[in-house]
PDB file of N, CA and C in Angstrom:
ATOM      1  N   MET A   1     102.775 106.153  80.461  1.00  0.00           N
ATOM      2  CA  MET A   1     101.934 105.429  81.402  1.00  0.00           C
ATOM      3  C   MET A   1     102.029 106.091  82.765  1.00  0.00           C
ATOM      4  N   LYS A   2     100.970 105.952  83.516  1.00  0.00           N
ATOM      5  CA  LYS A   2     100.907 106.512  84.870  1.00  0.00           C
ATOM      6  C   LYS A   2     100.393 105.446  85.828  1.00  0.00           C
ATOM      7  N   LYS A   3     100.934 105.478  87.045  1.00  0.00           N
ATOM      8  CA  LYS A   3     100.412 104.635  88.117  1.00  0.00           C
ATOM      9  C   LYS A   3      99.550 105.512  89.004  1.00  0.00           C
ATOM     10  N   ILE A   4      98.321 105.068  89.224  1.00  0.00           N
ATOM     11  CA  ILE A   4      97.384 105.801  90.072  1.00  0.00           C
ATOM     12  C   ILE A   4      97.144 104.968  91.318  1.00  0.00           C
ATOM     13  N   GLU A   5      97.439 105.560  92.477  1.00  0.00           N
ATOM     14  CA  GLU A   5      97.184 104.915  93.762  1.00  0.00           C
ATOM     15  C   GLU A   5      96.117 105.726  94.473  1.00  0.00           C
ATOM     16  N   CYS A   6      95.082 105.041  94.890  1.00  0.00           N
ATOM     17  CA  CYS A   6      93.933 105.698  95.510  1.00  0.00           C
ATOM     18  C   CYS A   6      93.683 105.049  96.867  1.00  0.00           C
ATOM     19  N   ILE A   7      93.779 105.825  97.926  1.00  0.00           N
ATOM     20  CA  ILE A   7      93.522 105.350  99.288  1.00  0.00           C
ATOM     21  C   ILE A   7      92.086 105.738  99.630  1.00  0.00           C
ATOM     22  N   ILE A   8      91.245 104.734  99.934  1.00  0.00           N
ATOM     23  CA  ILE A   8      89.819 104.996 100.139  1.00  0.00           C
ATOM     24  C   ILE A   8      89.298 104.269 101.379  1.00  0.00           C
ATOM     25  N   LYS A   9      88.085 104.633 101.771  1.00  0.00           N
ATOM     26  CA  LYS A   9      87.408 103.910 102.843  1.00  0.00           C
ATOM     27  C   LYS A   9      86.985 102.539 102.314  1.00  0.00           C
ATOM     28  N   PRO A  10      87.075 101.499 103.136  1.00  0.00           N
ATOM     29  CA  PRO A  10      86.795 100.131 102.663  1.00  0.00           C
ATOM     30  C   PRO A  10      85.423  99.949 102.018  1.00  0.00           C
ATOM     31  N   PHE A  11      84.390 100.581 102.522  1.00  0.00           N
ATOM     32  CA  PHE A  11      83.047 100.357 101.984  1.00  0.00           C
ATOM     33  C   PHE A  11      82.840 101.017 100.619  1.00  0.00           C
ATOM     34  N   LYS A  12      83.786 101.824 100.143  1.00  0.00           N
ATOM     35  CA  LYS A  12      83.679 102.465  98.836  1.00  0.00           C
ATOM     36  C   LYS A  12      84.375 101.669  97.733  1.00  0.00           C
ATOM     37  N   LEU A  13      84.979 100.530  98.071  1.00  0.00           N
ATOM     38  CA  LEU A  13      85.740  99.759  97.090  1.00  0.00           C
ATOM     39  C   LEU A  13      84.902  99.335  95.894  1.00  0.00           C
ATOM     40  N   ASP A  14      83.739  98.756  96.108  1.00  0.00           N
ATOM     41  CA  ASP A  14      82.923  98.277  94.992  1.00  0.00           C
ATOM     42  C   ASP A  14      82.523  99.420  94.061  1.00  0.00           C
ATOM     43  N   ASP A  15      82.186 100.569  94.621  1.00  0.00           N
ATOM     44  CA  ASP A  15      81.810 101.721  93.789  1.00  0.00           C
ATOM     45  C   ASP A  15      82.976 102.158  92.903  1.00  0.00           C
ATOM     46  N   VAL A  16      84.171 102.258  93.497  1.00  0.00           N
ATOM     47  CA  VAL A  16      85.350 102.687  92.742  1.00  0.00           C
ATOM     48  C   VAL A  16      85.720 101.637  91.695  1.00  0.00           C
ATOM     49  N   LYS A  17      85.713 100.378  92.081  1.00  0.00           N
ATOM     50  CA  LYS A  17      86.065  99.293  91.149  1.00  0.00           C
ATOM     51  C   LYS A  17      85.135  99.279  89.949  1.00  0.00           C
ATOM     52  N   ASN A  18      83.836  99.352  90.190  1.00  0.00           N
ATOM     53  CA  ASN A  18      82.872  99.343  89.093  1.00  0.00           C
ATOM     54  C   ASN A  18      83.035 100.550  88.179  1.00  0.00           C
ATOM     55  N   ALA A  19      83.301 101.712  88.760  1.00  0.00           N
ATOM     56  CA  ALA A  19      83.441 102.932  87.960  1.00  0.00           C
ATOM     57  C   ALA A  19      84.655 102.869  87.042  1.00  0.00           C
ATOM     58  N   ILE A  20      85.783 102.377  87.549  1.00  0.00           N
ATOM     59  CA  ILE A  20      86.973 102.380  86.697  1.00  0.00           C
ATOM     60  C   ILE A  20      86.985 101.212  85.710  1.00  0.00           C
ATOM     61  N   THR A  21      86.359 100.094  86.045  1.00  0.00           N
ATOM     62  CA  THR A  21      86.269  99.016  85.061  1.00  0.00           C
ATOM     63  C   THR A  21      85.323  99.411  83.930  1.00  0.00           C
ATOM     64  N   ASP A  22      84.314 100.216  84.233  1.00  0.00           N
ATOM     65  CA  ASP A  22      83.428 100.733  83.179  1.00  0.00           C
ATOM     66  C   ASP A  22      84.185 101.631  82.200  1.00  0.00           C
ATOM     67  N   LEU A  23      85.312 102.202  82.641  1.00  0.00           N
ATOM     68  CA  LEU A  23      86.134 103.061  81.778  1.00  0.00           C
ATOM     69  C   LEU A  23      87.139 102.258  80.952  1.00  0.00           C
ATOM     70  N   GLY A  24      87.185 100.949  81.167  1.00  0.00           N
ATOM     71  CA  GLY A  24      88.097 100.113  80.384  1.00  0.00           C
ATOM     72  C   GLY A  24      89.377  99.724  81.093  1.00  0.00           C
ATOM     73  N   VAL A  25      89.479 100.022  82.376  1.00  0.00           N
ATOM     74  CA  VAL A  25      90.655  99.587  83.134  1.00  0.00           C
ATOM     75  C   VAL A  25      90.555  98.076  83.302  1.00  0.00           C
ATOM     76  N   VAL A  26      91.573  97.342  82.823  1.00  0.00           N
ATOM     77  CA  VAL A  26      91.473  95.888  82.782  1.00  0.00           C
ATOM     78  C   VAL A  26      92.156  95.184  83.948  1.00  0.00           C
ATOM     79  N   GLY A  27      92.932  95.872  84.748  1.00  0.00           N
ATOM     80  CA  GLY A  27      93.583  95.232  85.883  1.00  0.00           C
ATOM     81  C   GLY A  27      93.805  96.220  87.003  1.00  0.00           C
ATOM     82  N   MET A  28      93.801  95.710  88.213  1.00  0.00           N
ATOM     83  CA  MET A  28      94.060  96.560  89.372  1.00  0.00           C
ATOM     84  C   MET A  28      94.568  95.699  90.513  1.00  0.00           C
ATOM     85  N   THR A  29      95.239  96.316  91.433  1.00  0.00           N
ATOM     86  CA  THR A  29      95.712  95.647  92.641  1.00  0.00           C
ATOM     87  C   THR A  29      95.043  96.326  93.822  1.00  0.00           C
ATOM     88  N   ILE A  30      94.512  95.508  94.724  1.00  0.00           N
ATOM     89  CA  ILE A  30      93.839  96.013  95.915  1.00  0.00           C
ATOM     90  C   ILE A  30      94.641  95.568  97.137  1.00  0.00           C
ATOM     91  N   SER A  31      94.936  96.507  98.022  1.00  0.00           N
ATOM     92  CA  SER A  31      95.666  96.193  99.251  1.00  0.00           C
ATOM     93  C   SER A  31      94.895  96.720 100.442  1.00  0.00           C
ATOM     94  N   GLU A  32      94.857  95.920 101.507  1.00  0.00           N
ATOM     95  CA  GLU A  32      94.299  96.409 102.767  1.00  0.00           C
ATOM     96  C   GLU A  32      95.434  97.101 103.511  1.00  0.00           C
ATOM     97  N   VAL A  33      95.241  98.365 103.813  1.00  0.00           N
ATOM     98  CA  VAL A  33      96.280  99.157 104.472  1.00  0.00           C
ATOM     99  C   VAL A  33      95.694  99.831 105.701  1.00  0.00           C
ATOM    100  N   ARG A  34      96.555 100.392 106.519  1.00  0.00           N
ATOM    101  CA  ARG A  34      96.133 101.151 107.684  1.00  0.00           C
ATOM    102  C   ARG A  34      96.913 102.452 107.688  1.00  0.00           C
ATOM    103  N   GLY A  35      96.263 103.509 108.139  1.00  0.00           N
ATOM    104  CA  GLY A  35      96.955 104.788 108.182  1.00  0.00           C
ATOM    105  C   GLY A  35      96.095 105.878 108.775  1.00  0.00           C
ATOM    106  N   PHE A  36      96.647 107.075 108.781  1.00  0.00           N
ATOM    107  CA  PHE A  36      95.886 108.240 109.233  1.00  0.00           C
ATOM    108  C   PHE A  36      96.407 109.466 108.506  1.00  0.00           C
ATOM    109  N   GLY A  37      95.571 110.456 108.450  1.00  0.00           N
ATOM    110  CA  GLY A  37      95.929 111.743 107.864  1.00  0.00           C
ATOM    111  C   GLY A  37      95.681 112.823 108.883  1.00  0.00           C
ATOM    112  N   ARG A  38      94.999 113.844 108.467  1.00  0.00           N
ATOM    113  CA  ARG A  38      94.714 114.963 109.370  1.00  0.00           C
ATOM    114  C   ARG A  38      93.843 114.560 110.539  1.00  0.00           C
ATOM    115  N   GLN A  39      93.039 113.517 110.368  1.00  0.00           N
ATOM    116  CA  GLN A  39      92.120 113.123 111.433  1.00  0.00           C
ATOM    117  C   GLN A  39      92.847 112.514 112.627  1.00  0.00           C
ATOM    118  N   LYS A  40      94.055 112.041 112.437  1.00  0.00           N
ATOM    119  CA  LYS A  40      94.886 111.478 113.518  1.00  0.00           C
ATOM    120  C   LYS A  40      94.200 110.328 114.247  1.00  0.00           C
ATOM    121  N   GLY A  41      93.471 109.487 113.513  1.00  0.00           N
ATOM    122  CA  GLY A  41      92.811 108.345 114.138  1.00  0.00           C
ATOM    123  C   GLY A  41      91.470 108.737 114.728  1.00  0.00           C
ATOM    124  N   GLN A  42      90.968 107.862 115.588  1.00  0.00           N
ATOM    125  CA  GLN A  42      89.681 108.142 116.223  1.00  0.00           C
ATOM    126  C   GLN A  42      89.615 107.448 117.575  1.00  0.00           C
ATOM    127  N   ASN A  43      88.711 107.934 118.417  1.00  0.00           N
ATOM    128  CA  ASN A  43      88.505 107.330 119.733  1.00  0.00           C
ATOM    129  C   ASN A  43      87.466 106.224 119.628  1.00  0.00           C
ATOM    130  N   GLU A  44      87.735 105.099 120.263  1.00  0.00           N
ATOM    131  CA  GLU A  44      86.825 103.957 120.304  1.00  0.00           C
ATOM    132  C   GLU A  44      86.536 103.634 121.764  1.00  0.00           C
ATOM    133  N   THR A  45      85.399 103.002 122.020  1.00  0.00           N
ATOM    134  CA  THR A  45      85.058 102.558 123.362  1.00  0.00           C
ATOM    135  C   THR A  45      84.843 101.058 123.333  1.00  0.00           C
ATOM    136  N   TYR A  46      85.527 100.356 124.248  1.00  0.00           N
ATOM    137  CA  TYR A  46      85.387  98.913 124.346  1.00  0.00           C
ATOM    138  C   TYR A  46      85.213  98.547 125.809  1.00  0.00           C
ATOM    139  N   ARG A  47      84.071  97.948 126.136  1.00  0.00           N
ATOM    140  CA  ARG A  47      83.757  97.564 127.521  1.00  0.00           C
ATOM    141  C   ARG A  47      83.927  98.720 128.497  1.00  0.00           C
ATOM    142  N   GLY A  48      83.456  99.869 128.072  1.00  0.00           N
ATOM    143  CA  GLY A  48      83.468 101.037 128.938  1.00  0.00           C
ATOM    144  C   GLY A  48      84.774 101.802 128.963  1.00  0.00           C
ATOM    145  N   ALA A  49      85.827 101.255 128.369  1.00  0.00           N
ATOM    146  CA  ALA A  49      87.115 101.950 128.356  1.00  0.00           C
ATOM    147  C   ALA A  49      87.314 102.612 126.998  1.00  0.00           C
ATOM    148  N   GLU A  50      87.723 103.864 127.029  1.00  0.00           N
ATOM    149  CA  GLU A  50      87.974 104.581 125.787  1.00  0.00           C
ATOM    150  C   GLU A  50      89.457 104.472 125.435  1.00  0.00           C
ATOM    151  N   TYR A  51      89.734 104.260 124.153  1.00  0.00           N
ATOM    152  CA  TYR A  51      91.120 104.194 123.703  1.00  0.00           C
ATOM    153  C   TYR A  51      91.238 104.813 122.311  1.00  0.00           C
ATOM    154  N   GLN A  52      92.445 105.188 121.961  1.00  0.00           N
ATOM    155  CA  GLN A  52      92.713 105.861 120.696  1.00  0.00           C
ATOM    156  C   GLN A  52      93.162 104.846 119.648  1.00  0.00           C
ATOM    157  N   VAL A  53      92.485 104.833 118.492  1.00  0.00           N
ATOM    158  CA  VAL A  53      92.915 104.034 117.347  1.00  0.00           C
ATOM    159  C   VAL A  53      93.619 104.989 116.400  1.00  0.00           C
ATOM    160  N   GLU A  54      94.947 104.858 116.295  1.00  0.00           N
ATOM    161  CA  GLU A  54      95.714 105.796 115.484  1.00  0.00           C
ATOM    162  C   GLU A  54      95.681 105.444 114.004  1.00  0.00           C
ATOM    163  N   PHE A  55      95.745 104.157 113.671  1.00  0.00           N
ATOM    164  CA  PHE A  55      95.797 103.742 112.284  1.00  0.00           C
ATOM    165  C   PHE A  55      94.454 103.130 111.885  1.00  0.00           C
ATOM    166  N   LEU A  56      93.762 103.805 110.983  1.00  0.00           N
ATOM    167  CA  LEU A  56      92.441 103.371 110.554  1.00  0.00           C
ATOM    168  C   LEU A  56      92.539 102.466 109.327  1.00  0.00           C
ATOM    169  N   PRO A  57      91.641 101.492 109.203  1.00  0.00           N
ATOM    170  CA  PRO A  57      91.681 100.607 108.037  1.00  0.00           C
ATOM    171  C   PRO A  57      91.265 101.355 106.771  1.00  0.00           C
ATOM    172  N   LYS A  58      92.042 101.168 105.720  1.00  0.00           N
ATOM    173  CA  LYS A  58      91.773 101.773 104.417  1.00  0.00           C
ATOM    174  C   LYS A  58      92.041 100.722 103.345  1.00  0.00           C
ATOM    175  N   ILE A  59      91.651 101.032 102.117  1.00  0.00           N
ATOM    176  CA  ILE A  59      91.927 100.189 100.956  1.00  0.00           C
ATOM    177  C   ILE A  59      92.761 101.015  99.988  1.00  0.00           C
ATOM    178  N   LYS A  60      93.826 100.405  99.448  1.00  0.00           N
ATOM    179  CA  LYS A  60      94.614 101.069  98.416  1.00  0.00           C
ATOM    180  C   LYS A  60      94.351 100.374  97.089  1.00  0.00           C
ATOM    181  N   VAL A  61      93.826 101.129  96.130  1.00  0.00           N
ATOM    182  CA  VAL A  61      93.581 100.645  94.777  1.00  0.00           C
ATOM    183  C   VAL A  61      94.706 101.175  93.902  1.00  0.00           C
ATOM    184  N   THR A  62      95.417 100.264  93.226  1.00  0.00           N
ATOM    185  CA  THR A  62      96.522 100.654  92.363  1.00  0.00           C
ATOM    186  C   THR A  62      96.230 100.197  90.942  1.00  0.00           C
ATOM    187  N   VAL A  63      96.317 101.120  89.997  1.00  0.00           N
ATOM    188  CA  VAL A  63      96.150 100.798  88.580  1.00  0.00           C
ATOM    189  C   VAL A  63      97.244 101.504  87.790  1.00  0.00           C
ATOM    190  N   VAL A  64      97.611 100.917  86.662  1.00  0.00           N
ATOM    191  CA  VAL A  64      98.518 101.559  85.718  1.00  0.00           C
ATOM    192  C   VAL A  64      97.749 101.710  84.415  1.00  0.00           C
ATOM    193  N   VAL A  65      97.693 102.942  83.914  1.00  0.00           N
ATOM    194  CA  VAL A  65      96.905 103.239  82.721  1.00  0.00           C
ATOM    195  C   VAL A  65      97.720 104.083  81.750  1.00  0.00           C
ATOM    196  N   ALA A  66      97.256 104.136  80.501  1.00  0.00           N
ATOM    197  CA  ALA A  66      97.859 105.018  79.510  1.00  0.00           C
ATOM    198  C   ALA A  66      97.615 106.471  79.912  1.00  0.00           C
ATOM    199  N   ASP A  67      98.510 107.354  79.466  1.00  0.00           N
ATOM    200  CA  ASP A  67      98.425 108.765  79.842  1.00  0.00           C
ATOM    201  C   ASP A  67      97.063 109.384  79.529  1.00  0.00           C
ATOM    202  N   ASP A  68      96.466 109.004  78.395  1.00  0.00           N
ATOM    203  CA  ASP A  68      95.203 109.624  78.013  1.00  0.00           C
ATOM    204  C   ASP A  68      94.016 109.169  78.861  1.00  0.00           C
ATOM    205  N   GLN A  69      94.170 108.093  79.627  1.00  0.00           N
ATOM    206  CA  GLN A  69      93.087 107.611  80.490  1.00  0.00           C
ATOM    207  C   GLN A  69      93.098 108.253  81.878  1.00  0.00           C
ATOM    208  N   VAL A  70      94.185 108.918  82.227  1.00  0.00           N
ATOM    209  CA  VAL A  70      94.367 109.415  83.596  1.00  0.00           C
ATOM    210  C   VAL A  70      93.241 110.344  84.054  1.00  0.00           C
ATOM    211  N   PRO A  71      92.881 111.385  83.308  1.00  0.00           N
ATOM    212  CA  PRO A  71      91.824 112.281  83.814  1.00  0.00           C
ATOM    213  C   PRO A  71      90.506 111.568  84.102  1.00  0.00           C
ATOM    214  N   ALA A  72      90.098 110.661  83.219  1.00  0.00           N
ATOM    215  CA  ALA A  72      88.829 109.956  83.411  1.00  0.00           C
ATOM    216  C   ALA A  72      88.890 109.022  84.614  1.00  0.00           C
ATOM    217  N   VAL A  73      89.995 108.298  84.762  1.00  0.00           N
ATOM    218  CA  VAL A  73      90.123 107.346  85.873  1.00  0.00           C
ATOM    219  C   VAL A  73      90.190 108.095  87.206  1.00  0.00           C
ATOM    220  N   VAL A  74      90.982 109.145  87.267  1.00  0.00           N
ATOM    221  CA  VAL A  74      91.088 109.937  88.502  1.00  0.00           C
ATOM    222  C   VAL A  74      89.734 110.554  88.852  1.00  0.00           C
ATOM    223  N   GLY A  75      89.034 111.078  87.858  1.00  0.00           N
ATOM    224  CA  GLY A  75      87.712 111.661  88.101  1.00  0.00           C
ATOM    225  C   GLY A  75      86.722 110.636  88.629  1.00  0.00           C
ATOM    226  N   ALA A  76      86.739 109.430  88.038  1.00  0.00           N
ATOM    227  CA  ALA A  76      85.826 108.376  88.492  1.00  0.00           C
ATOM    228  C   ALA A  76      86.161 107.936  89.911  1.00  0.00           C
ATOM    229  N   MET A  77      87.457 107.824  90.216  1.00  0.00           N
ATOM    230  CA  MET A  77      87.863 107.446  91.570  1.00  0.00           C
ATOM    231  C   MET A  77      87.412 108.504  92.571  1.00  0.00           C
ATOM    232  N   GLN A  78      87.669 109.750  92.248  1.00  0.00           N
ATOM    233  CA  GLN A  78      87.322 110.840  93.160  1.00  0.00           C
ATOM    234  C   GLN A  78      85.817 110.904  93.390  1.00  0.00           C
ATOM    235  N   GLU A  79      85.059 110.815  92.327  1.00  0.00           N
ATOM    236  CA  GLU A  79      83.601 110.909  92.438  1.00  0.00           C
ATOM    237  C   GLU A  79      83.006 109.752  93.237  1.00  0.00           C
ATOM    238  N   ASN A  80      83.509 108.546  93.020  1.00  0.00           N
ATOM    239  CA  ASN A  80      82.922 107.367  93.642  1.00  0.00           C
ATOM    240  C   ASN A  80      83.462 107.060  95.029  1.00  0.00           C
ATOM    241  N   ALA A  81      84.576 107.673  95.422  1.00  0.00           N
ATOM    242  CA  ALA A  81      85.122 107.463  96.762  1.00  0.00           C
ATOM    243  C   ALA A  81      84.659 108.527  97.749  1.00  0.00           C
ATOM    244  N   ARG A  82      84.126 109.612  97.244  1.00  0.00           N
ATOM    245  CA  ARG A  82      83.770 110.751  98.099  1.00  0.00           C
ATOM    246  C   ARG A  82      82.526 110.469  98.936  1.00  0.00           C
ATOM    247  N   THR A  83      82.652 110.745 100.244  1.00  0.00           N
ATOM    248  CA  THR A  83      81.493 110.724 101.130  1.00  0.00           C
ATOM    249  C   THR A  83      81.200 112.132 101.650  1.00  0.00           C
ATOM    250  N   GLY A  84      82.183 113.017 101.542  1.00  0.00           N
ATOM    251  CA  GLY A  84      82.026 114.373 102.054  1.00  0.00           C
ATOM    252  C   GLY A  84      82.457 114.512 103.503  1.00  0.00           C
ATOM    253  N   ARG A  85      82.945 113.412 104.081  1.00  0.00           N
ATOM    254  CA  ARG A  85      83.394 113.445 105.480  1.00  0.00           C
ATOM    255  C   ARG A  85      84.906 113.281 105.537  1.00  0.00           C
ATOM    256  N   ILE A  86      85.465 113.616 106.678  1.00  0.00           N
ATOM    257  CA  ILE A  86      86.900 113.498 106.870  1.00  0.00           C
ATOM    258  C   ILE A  86      87.328 112.040 106.679  1.00  0.00           C
ATOM    259  N   GLY A  87      88.504 111.860 106.096  1.00  0.00           N
ATOM    260  CA  GLY A  87      89.038 110.516 105.911  1.00  0.00           C
ATOM    261  C   GLY A  87      88.651 109.865 104.600  1.00  0.00           C
ATOM    262  N   ASP A  88      88.143 110.634 103.630  1.00  0.00           N
ATOM    263  CA  ASP A  88      87.764 110.061 102.340  1.00  0.00           C
ATOM    264  C   ASP A  88      88.962 109.494 101.578  1.00  0.00           C
ATOM    265  N   GLY A  89      90.163 110.015 101.809  1.00  0.00           N
ATOM    266  CA  GLY A  89      91.348 109.433 101.201  1.00  0.00           C
ATOM    267  C   GLY A  89      92.116 110.384 100.314  1.00  0.00           C
ATOM    268  N   LYS A  90      93.033 109.797  99.526  1.00  0.00           N
ATOM    269  CA  LYS A  90      93.911 110.556  98.646  1.00  0.00           C
ATOM    270  C   LYS A  90      94.104 109.781  97.353  1.00  0.00           C
ATOM    271  N   ILE A  91      94.473 110.511  96.300  1.00  0.00           N
ATOM    272  CA  ILE A  91      94.833 109.907  95.021  1.00  0.00           C
ATOM    273  C   ILE A  91      96.217 110.423  94.647  1.00  0.00           C
ATOM    274  N   PHE A  92      97.106 109.496  94.283  1.00  0.00           N
ATOM    275  CA  PHE A  92      98.462 109.841  93.868  1.00  0.00           C
ATOM    276  C   PHE A  92      98.669 109.355  92.441  1.00  0.00           C
ATOM    277  N   VAL A  93      99.250 110.203  91.593  1.00  0.00           N
ATOM    278  CA  VAL A  93      99.537 109.842  90.213  1.00  0.00           C
ATOM    279  C   VAL A  93     101.047 109.993  90.001  1.00  0.00           C
ATOM    280  N   THR A  94     101.700 108.908  89.549  1.00  0.00           N
ATOM    281  CA  THR A  94     103.139 108.930  89.307  1.00  0.00           C
ATOM    282  C   THR A  94     103.448 108.363  87.929  1.00  0.00           C
ATOM    283  N   ASN A  95     104.605 108.743  87.404  1.00  0.00           N
ATOM    284  CA  ASN A  95     105.052 108.234  86.110  1.00  0.00           C
ATOM    285  C   ASN A  95     105.517 106.792  86.222  1.00  0.00           C
ATOM    286  N   VAL A  96     105.257 106.014  85.179  1.00  0.00           N
ATOM    287  CA  VAL A  96     105.771 104.645  85.076  1.00  0.00           C
ATOM    288  C   VAL A  96     106.687 104.624  83.856  1.00  0.00           C
ATOM    289  N   GLU A  97     107.953 104.342  84.075  1.00  0.00           N
ATOM    290  CA  GLU A  97     108.910 104.348  82.975  1.00  0.00           C
ATOM    291  C   GLU A  97     108.802 103.118  82.096  1.00  0.00           C
ATOM    292  N   GLN A  98     108.534 101.966  82.689  1.00  0.00           N
ATOM    293  CA  GLN A  98     108.492 100.730  81.923  1.00  0.00           C
ATOM    294  C   GLN A  98     107.570  99.732  82.609  1.00  0.00           C
ATOM    295  N   ALA A  99     106.872  98.949  81.805  1.00  0.00           N
ATOM    296  CA  ALA A  99     106.053  97.853  82.302  1.00  0.00           C
ATOM    297  C   ALA A  99     106.314  96.654  81.390  1.00  0.00           C
ATOM    298  N   ILE A 100     106.409  95.479  81.986  1.00  0.00           N
ATOM    299  CA  ILE A 100     106.702  94.263  81.227  1.00  0.00           C
ATOM    300  C   ILE A 100     105.766  93.161  81.685  1.00  0.00           C
ATOM    301  N   ARG A 101     105.069  92.543  80.739  1.00  0.00           N
ATOM    302  CA  ARG A 101     104.235  91.381  81.054  1.00  0.00           C
ATOM    303  C   ARG A 101     105.182  90.179  81.103  1.00  0.00           C
ATOM    304  N   ILE A 102     105.265  89.545  82.240  1.00  0.00           N
ATOM    305  CA  ILE A 102     106.220  88.455  82.448  1.00  0.00           C
ATOM    306  C   ILE A 102     105.952  87.283  81.504  1.00  0.00           C
ATOM    307  N   ARG A 103     104.701  86.897  81.355  1.00  0.00           N
ATOM    308  CA  ARG A 103     104.367  85.717  80.556  1.00  0.00           C
ATOM    309  C   ARG A 103     104.779  85.852  79.099  1.00  0.00           C
ATOM    310  N   THR A 104     104.495  87.006  78.478  1.00  0.00           N
ATOM    311  CA  THR A 104     104.723  87.162  77.038  1.00  0.00           C
ATOM    312  C   THR A 104     105.927  88.012  76.679  1.00  0.00           C
ATOM    313  N   GLY A 105     106.413  88.786  77.629  1.00  0.00           N
ATOM    314  CA  GLY A 105     107.531  89.689  77.344  1.00  0.00           C
ATOM    315  C   GLY A 105     107.091  91.001  76.726  1.00  0.00           C
ATOM    316  N   GLU A 106     105.780  91.237  76.591  1.00  0.00           N
ATOM    317  CA  GLU A 106     105.303  92.507  76.042  1.00  0.00           C
ATOM    318  C   GLU A 106     105.757  93.642  76.942  1.00  0.00           C
ATOM    319  N   THR A 107     106.042  94.792  76.335  1.00  0.00           N
ATOM    320  CA  THR A 107     106.516  95.934  77.109  1.00  0.00           C
ATOM    321  C   THR A 107     105.652  97.152  76.825  1.00  0.00           C
ATOM    322  N   GLY A 108     105.828  98.162  77.667  1.00  0.00           N
ATOM    323  CA  GLY A 108     105.101  99.410  77.507  1.00  0.00           C
ATOM    324  C   GLY A 108     103.606  99.241  77.682  1.00  0.00           C
ATOM    325  N   SER A 109     102.843 100.054  76.961  1.00  0.00           N
ATOM    326  CA  SER A 109     101.388 100.014  77.112  1.00  0.00           C
ATOM    327  C   SER A 109     100.787  98.715  76.599  1.00  0.00           C
ATOM    328  N   ASP A 110     101.510  97.977  75.746  1.00  0.00           N
ATOM    329  CA  ASP A 110     101.032  96.652  75.304  1.00  0.00           C
ATOM    330  C   ASP A 110     100.953  95.674  76.465  1.00  0.00           C
ATOM    331  N   SER A 111     101.749  95.895  77.499  1.00  0.00           N
ATOM    332  CA  SER A 111     101.759  94.960  78.629  1.00  0.00           C
ATOM    333  C   SER A 111     100.585  95.177  79.582  1.00  0.00           C
ATOM    334  N   LEU A 112      99.889  96.291  79.420  1.00  0.00           N
ATOM    335  CA  LEU A 112      98.766  96.576  80.312  1.00  0.00           C
ATOM    336  C   LEU A 112      97.578  95.742  79.914  1.00  0.00           C
TER     337      LEU A 112
END
């Protein structure tokens, strides 16, 4: 099993969610996060005063999938999150050693 974490722009959430659920992903966790990468934030103007916003609002989509689903899910996330502009986000894939469904006690890929 692999955990895929995808940091995206907030307005791309519905596109990414629809794309990965169409692939059979049955559960996901969505978190509102703030951060910056190479862009180092952006300048904003409020009532004539300019100020620096260092941490930009992003959405983190987290899913755990079977190993054979990883290429399709990552591809769908990448394709549907891309705008072609700076700040499109990142995708991280990590190993999951164990997963347990609390209600039933199912383990491994059965718990997904």
